[in-house]
Amino acid sequence: MARVCLVVPCFNESARLRGDDFLRASLPGHELHFRFVDDGSTDGTATSLARLATIEPDRVRCTLLPRNVGKGEAVRAGMGASLDDGHDYLGFWDADLATPLEELAAFVETLERRPQVDLVLGARVALLGRHIDRRLYRHAYGRVFASAVSQLLGLAVYDTQCGAKLFRVDGRLRAVLNAPFLSRWIFDVEILARYIAQYEAERVDPADRIVEVPLRVWTDVAGSKVGIGDAARAFVELARIGRRYDHALSARRVRRER
């Protein structure tokens, strides 16, 4: 039986937070825990989170940040606070539950079945029999951005920005979380870059260690805090990430082209 913990970053989520859905969530055969991180909210989110922790003190913990630091650092703070809690798998999940918690079982199953895999990414792929409710312009932007990321990383990744990811708790994850992220919003890409840098040093193929799992259900929930300006800024931040990890990423691209 594995111990699984999801970090849920929250910024002014009191109107959208479906707390009871988190409390009802289960993961048959495993232990499921949550750590909510209030990222300097001003709308009563902290009160809502405190209620959840009071109802389920053994499963729910809260981290309150005194000021807004952005999703990336909120996730890093929550995961860092959970590293030594005895969990086998640690991940993060968007508070609006655009990805239903029922999807988590497939992530855990992948890590259990494939012990060489370090992280599982949710992928919003509109396949037959799947229900991926994504607005057209977001899908189009996502494809362009994913192509740019794949080129930068030297790794064919379909969806880096889905807010559902699960990691194996080990030394690699600790190294990934050791320093602040450059980006508030596309920190997911930097996580991958940090893993790839470690794999390059070990001469390990990232494609054997990073897996995407197509989601069965994903809903574009109203009230997203990512606007058009953030979308444009993402490419600027992507270039910054490329410069920061240029040595490892360049080596990765060169080896793939041989």
Protein backbone atom coordinates (compact mmCIF):
# COMPACT_ATOMS: atom_id res chain seq x y z
CA MET A 1 0.00 0.00 0.00
CA ALA A 2 1.50 3.31 -1.12
CA ARG A 3 1.19 6.64 0.65
CA VAL A 4 0.20 9.34 -1.82
CA CYS A 5 0.03 13.08 -1.15
CA LEU A 6 -1.27 15.79 -3.46
CA VAL A 7 -0.27 19.41 -2.99
CA VAL A 8 -3.11 21.76 -3.95
CA PRO A 9 -2.02 25.40 -4.53
CA CYS A 10 -4.78 27.92 -3.83
CA PHE A 11 -5.01 31.64 -4.54
CA ASN A 12 -8.39 33.27 -3.89
CA GLU A 13 -10.18 29.97 -4.47
CA SER A 14 -12.95 30.27 -1.88
CA ALA A 15 -15.66 30.51 -4.57
CA ARG A 16 -14.34 27.59 -6.65
CA LEU A 17 -12.88 25.24 -4.04
CA ARG A 18 -14.95 22.05 -3.87
CA GLY A 19 -13.71 21.03 -0.47
CA ASP A 20 -16.15 18.19 0.04
CA ASP A 21 -14.95 16.54 -3.18
CA PHE A 22 -11.44 16.41 -1.75
CA LEU A 23 -12.72 14.98 1.54
CA ARG A 24 -14.72 12.29 -0.27
CA ALA A 25 -11.81 11.30 -2.51
CA SER A 26 -10.33 7.86 -2.01
CA LEU A 27 -7.62 5.76 -3.60
CA PRO A 28 -8.50 2.08 -3.10
CA GLY A 29 -5.54 0.08 -1.86
CA HIS A 30 -3.52 3.17 -0.98
CA GLU A 31 -3.46 6.08 1.49
CA LEU A 32 -4.42 9.47 0.05
CA HIS A 33 -3.41 12.72 1.72
CA PHE A 34 -3.67 16.39 0.77
CA ARG A 35 -1.61 19.46 1.56
CA PHE A 36 -3.35 22.70 0.61
CA VAL A 37 -1.17 25.76 0.15
CA ASP A 38 -2.81 29.17 0.55
CA ASP A 39 -0.74 31.48 -1.64
CA GLY A 40 -1.46 34.76 0.15
CA SER A 41 -5.20 34.76 -0.60
CA THR A 42 -7.36 37.71 0.42
CA ASP A 43 -10.83 36.19 -0.01
CA GLY A 44 -11.24 33.77 2.88
CA THR A 45 -9.54 30.79 1.24
CA ALA A 46 -7.47 30.21 4.39
CA THR A 47 -10.66 29.82 6.43
CA SER A 48 -12.04 27.27 3.97
CA LEU A 49 -8.81 25.28 4.10
CA ALA A 50 -8.72 25.36 7.90
CA ARG A 51 -12.21 23.83 7.91
CA LEU A 52 -11.04 20.92 5.75
CA ALA A 53 -8.05 20.29 8.03
CA THR A 54 -10.34 20.31 11.06
CA ILE A 55 -12.69 17.75 9.52
CA GLU A 56 -9.91 15.38 8.34
CA PRO A 57 -6.81 16.16 10.44
CA ASP A 58 -5.14 12.85 9.59
CA ARG A 59 -5.43 13.35 5.83
CA VAL A 60 -5.39 17.12 5.30
CA ARG A 61 -2.65 19.61 6.12
CA CYS A 62 -2.38 23.29 5.27
CA THR A 63 0.51 25.60 4.52
CA LEU A 64 -0.24 29.33 4.70
CA LEU A 65 2.08 31.67 2.81
CA PRO A 66 2.12 35.26 4.11
CA ARG A 67 2.19 36.77 0.61
CA ASN A 68 1.44 35.74 -2.95
CA VAL A 69 4.49 34.07 -4.51
CA GLY A 70 2.91 32.46 -7.58
CA LYS A 71 1.82 28.94 -8.34
CA GLY A 72 5.31 27.55 -8.87
CA GLU A 73 6.67 28.60 -5.50
CA ALA A 74 3.40 27.64 -3.77
CA VAL A 75 3.76 24.14 -5.20
CA ARG A 76 7.43 24.01 -4.23
CA ALA A 77 6.63 25.11 -0.68
CA GLY A 78 3.92 22.48 -0.31
CA MET A 79 5.97 19.68 -1.79
CA GLY A 80 9.01 20.66 0.25
CA ALA A 81 6.94 20.59 3.43
CA SER A 82 5.68 17.09 2.54
CA LEU A 83 8.94 15.41 1.51
CA ASP A 84 9.65 13.98 4.96
CA ASP A 85 6.10 12.86 5.77
CA GLY A 86 6.71 9.29 4.64
CA HIS A 87 4.94 9.47 1.28
CA ASP A 88 5.90 7.20 -1.59
CA TYR A 89 4.43 9.48 -4.24
CA LEU A 90 3.99 13.23 -4.10
CA GLY A 91 2.28 15.41 -6.68
CA PHE A 92 0.25 18.51 -7.31
CA TRP A 93 -3.31 18.98 -8.49
CA ASP A 94 -5.25 22.09 -9.49
CA ALA A 95 -7.72 23.29 -6.87
CA ASP A 96 -10.58 23.70 -9.38
CA LEU A 97 -10.51 19.93 -10.09
CA ALA A 98 -10.43 20.49 -13.83
CA THR A 99 -8.78 17.07 -13.63
CA PRO A 100 -11.10 14.91 -11.49
CA LEU A 101 -9.45 13.12 -8.59
CA GLU A 102 -10.64 9.83 -10.07
CA GLU A 103 -7.84 10.22 -12.64
CA LEU A 104 -5.20 9.84 -9.92
CA ALA A 105 -5.47 6.04 -9.84
CA ALA A 106 -3.95 5.76 -13.33
CA PHE A 107 -0.99 7.90 -12.24
CA VAL A 108 -0.32 5.71 -9.20
CA GLU A 109 -0.74 2.52 -11.22
CA THR A 110 1.90 3.72 -13.68
CA LEU A 111 4.44 4.42 -10.93
CA GLU A 112 3.67 1.11 -9.22
CA ARG A 113 3.94 -0.90 -12.44
CA ARG A 114 7.05 0.85 -13.78
CA PRO A 115 9.57 1.36 -10.95
CA GLN A 116 12.03 3.13 -13.27
CA VAL A 117 9.56 5.98 -13.89
CA ASP A 118 10.14 9.12 -11.81
CA LEU A 119 7.18 11.28 -12.78
CA VAL A 120 3.81 11.03 -14.46
CA LEU A 121 2.25 13.94 -16.34
CA GLY A 122 -1.45 14.24 -17.10
CA ALA A 123 -2.03 14.88 -20.81
CA ARG A 124 -5.18 16.50 -22.21
CA VAL A 125 -5.45 14.47 -25.40
CA ALA A 126 -8.85 14.48 -27.14
CA LEU A 127 -9.11 10.79 -28.03
CA LEU A 128 -12.24 8.81 -28.85
CA GLY A 129 -14.07 7.90 -25.67
CA ARG A 130 -12.38 10.67 -23.66
CA HIS A 131 -14.07 13.86 -22.50
CA ILE A 132 -11.57 16.70 -22.81
CA ASP A 133 -13.55 19.95 -22.66
CA ARG A 134 -10.95 22.52 -23.67
CA ARG A 135 -11.65 25.84 -25.39
CA LEU A 136 -10.36 25.99 -28.95
CA TYR A 137 -8.00 28.93 -28.46
CA ARG A 138 -6.48 27.31 -25.37
CA HIS A 139 -5.97 24.07 -27.28
CA ALA A 140 -4.36 25.90 -30.22
CA TYR A 141 -2.07 27.88 -27.93
CA GLY A 142 -1.22 24.70 -26.03
CA ARG A 143 -0.10 22.93 -29.20
CA VAL A 144 2.18 25.81 -30.21
CA PHE A 145 3.64 26.06 -26.71
CA ALA A 146 4.14 22.29 -26.42
CA SER A 147 6.02 22.28 -29.73
CA ALA A 148 8.35 25.01 -28.44
CA VAL A 149 8.90 23.12 -25.18
CA SER A 150 9.61 19.85 -26.98
CA GLN A 151 12.21 21.61 -29.12
CA LEU A 152 13.84 23.20 -26.07
CA LEU A 153 13.94 20.04 -23.97
CA GLY A 154 14.80 17.65 -26.77
CA LEU A 155 11.90 15.53 -25.53
CA ALA A 156 8.55 15.03 -27.25
CA VAL A 157 6.07 16.19 -24.59
CA TYR A 158 2.41 16.63 -25.51
CA ASP A 159 1.22 18.65 -22.50
CA THR A 160 3.50 20.25 -19.92
CA GLN A 161 0.90 22.60 -18.45
CA CYS A 162 -1.82 20.24 -17.24
CA GLY A 163 -2.19 20.83 -13.50
CA ALA A 164 -2.03 17.14 -12.57
CA LYS A 165 1.37 15.55 -11.94
CA LEU A 166 2.70 12.81 -9.67
CA PHE A 167 6.33 12.15 -8.67
CA ARG A 168 8.23 9.34 -7.03
CA VAL A 169 9.72 10.60 -3.76
CA ASP A 170 13.47 10.11 -4.04
CA GLY A 171 16.74 12.00 -4.25
CA ARG A 172 16.00 13.30 -7.73
CA LEU A 173 12.78 14.96 -6.59
CA ARG A 174 14.57 16.53 -3.63
CA ALA A 175 17.17 17.98 -5.99
CA VAL A 176 14.44 19.35 -8.27
CA LEU A 177 12.77 21.15 -5.36
CA ASN A 178 16.00 22.45 -3.84
CA ALA A 179 16.00 25.93 -5.45
CA PRO A 180 13.32 28.51 -6.36
CA PHE A 181 11.78 28.35 -9.83
CA LEU A 182 12.40 31.09 -12.39
CA SER A 183 8.78 31.18 -13.55
CA ARG A 184 5.53 31.67 -11.64
CA TRP A 185 3.43 29.84 -14.25
CA ILE A 186 5.53 27.58 -16.49
CA PHE A 187 7.51 26.10 -13.62
CA ASP A 188 6.32 22.71 -14.95
CA VAL A 189 8.80 23.13 -17.82
CA GLU A 190 11.58 23.97 -15.38
CA ILE A 191 10.78 20.83 -13.38
CA LEU A 192 11.32 18.80 -16.54
CA ALA A 193 14.53 20.71 -17.31
CA ARG A 194 15.88 19.94 -13.83
CA TYR A 195 15.11 16.25 -14.20
CA ILE A 196 16.70 16.18 -17.65
CA ALA A 197 19.84 17.85 -16.28
CA GLN A 198 20.16 15.01 -13.76
CA TYR A 199 19.51 12.37 -16.42
CA GLU A 200 22.15 13.88 -18.69
CA ALA A 201 24.72 13.70 -15.89
CA GLU A 202 23.82 10.03 -15.39
CA ARG A 203 23.51 9.24 -19.12
CA VAL A 204 19.90 8.16 -18.61
CA ASP A 205 17.24 8.54 -21.31
CA PRO A 206 14.47 10.87 -20.00
CA ALA A 207 11.93 9.07 -22.19
CA ASP A 208 12.34 6.03 -19.92
CA ARG A 209 11.72 8.05 -16.75
CA ILE A 210 9.02 10.58 -17.69
CA VAL A 211 5.59 9.30 -18.73
CA GLU A 212 2.44 11.06 -19.95
CA VAL A 213 -0.93 9.53 -19.11
CA PRO A 214 -3.86 10.65 -21.31
CA LEU A 215 -6.70 11.86 -19.12
CA ARG A 216 -10.16 10.39 -19.52
CA VAL A 217 -11.88 13.58 -18.32
CA TRP A 218 -10.79 17.21 -18.15
CA THR A 219 -13.02 20.28 -17.91
CA ASP A 220 -12.06 23.89 -18.66
CA VAL A 221 -13.33 25.48 -15.44
CA ALA A 222 -14.32 29.16 -15.58
CA GLY A 223 -12.26 31.63 -13.58
CA SER A 224 -8.76 30.70 -14.72
CA LYS A 225 -6.12 33.13 -13.45
CA VAL A 226 -3.97 32.73 -16.59
CA GLY A 227 -4.77 35.54 -19.04
CA ILE A 228 -3.59 36.46 -22.53
CA GLY A 229 -0.73 38.49 -21.08
CA ASP A 230 0.47 35.47 -19.12
CA ALA A 231 0.31 33.34 -22.26
CA ALA A 232 2.53 35.78 -24.13
CA ARG A 233 4.91 36.08 -21.18
CA ALA A 234 5.27 32.29 -21.09
CA PHE A 235 7.47 32.34 -24.20
CA VAL A 236 9.75 34.94 -22.60
CA GLU A 237 10.03 32.76 -19.50
CA LEU A 238 10.63 29.71 -21.68
CA ALA A 239 13.65 31.47 -23.17
CA ARG A 240 14.94 32.24 -19.65
CA ILE A 241 14.62 28.57 -18.70
CA GLY A 242 16.48 27.63 -21.87
CA ARG A 243 19.35 29.94 -20.95
CA ARG A 244 19.50 28.71 -17.34
CA TYR A 245 19.72 25.03 -18.31
CA ASP A 246 21.46 25.51 -21.65
CA HIS A 247 24.37 23.16 -20.95
CA ALA A 248 22.27 20.10 -20.11
CA LEU A 249 19.57 20.79 -22.70
CA SER A 250 22.08 21.44 -25.48
CA ALA A 251 23.84 18.18 -24.67
CA ARG A 252 20.50 16.41 -24.77
CA ARG A 253 19.62 17.83 -28.20
CA VAL A 254 23.06 17.01 -29.62
CA ARG A 255 22.88 13.39 -28.45
CA ARG A 256 19.40 12.99 -30.00
CA GLU A 257 20.63 14.29 -33.37
CA ARG A 258 23.54 11.84 -33.62
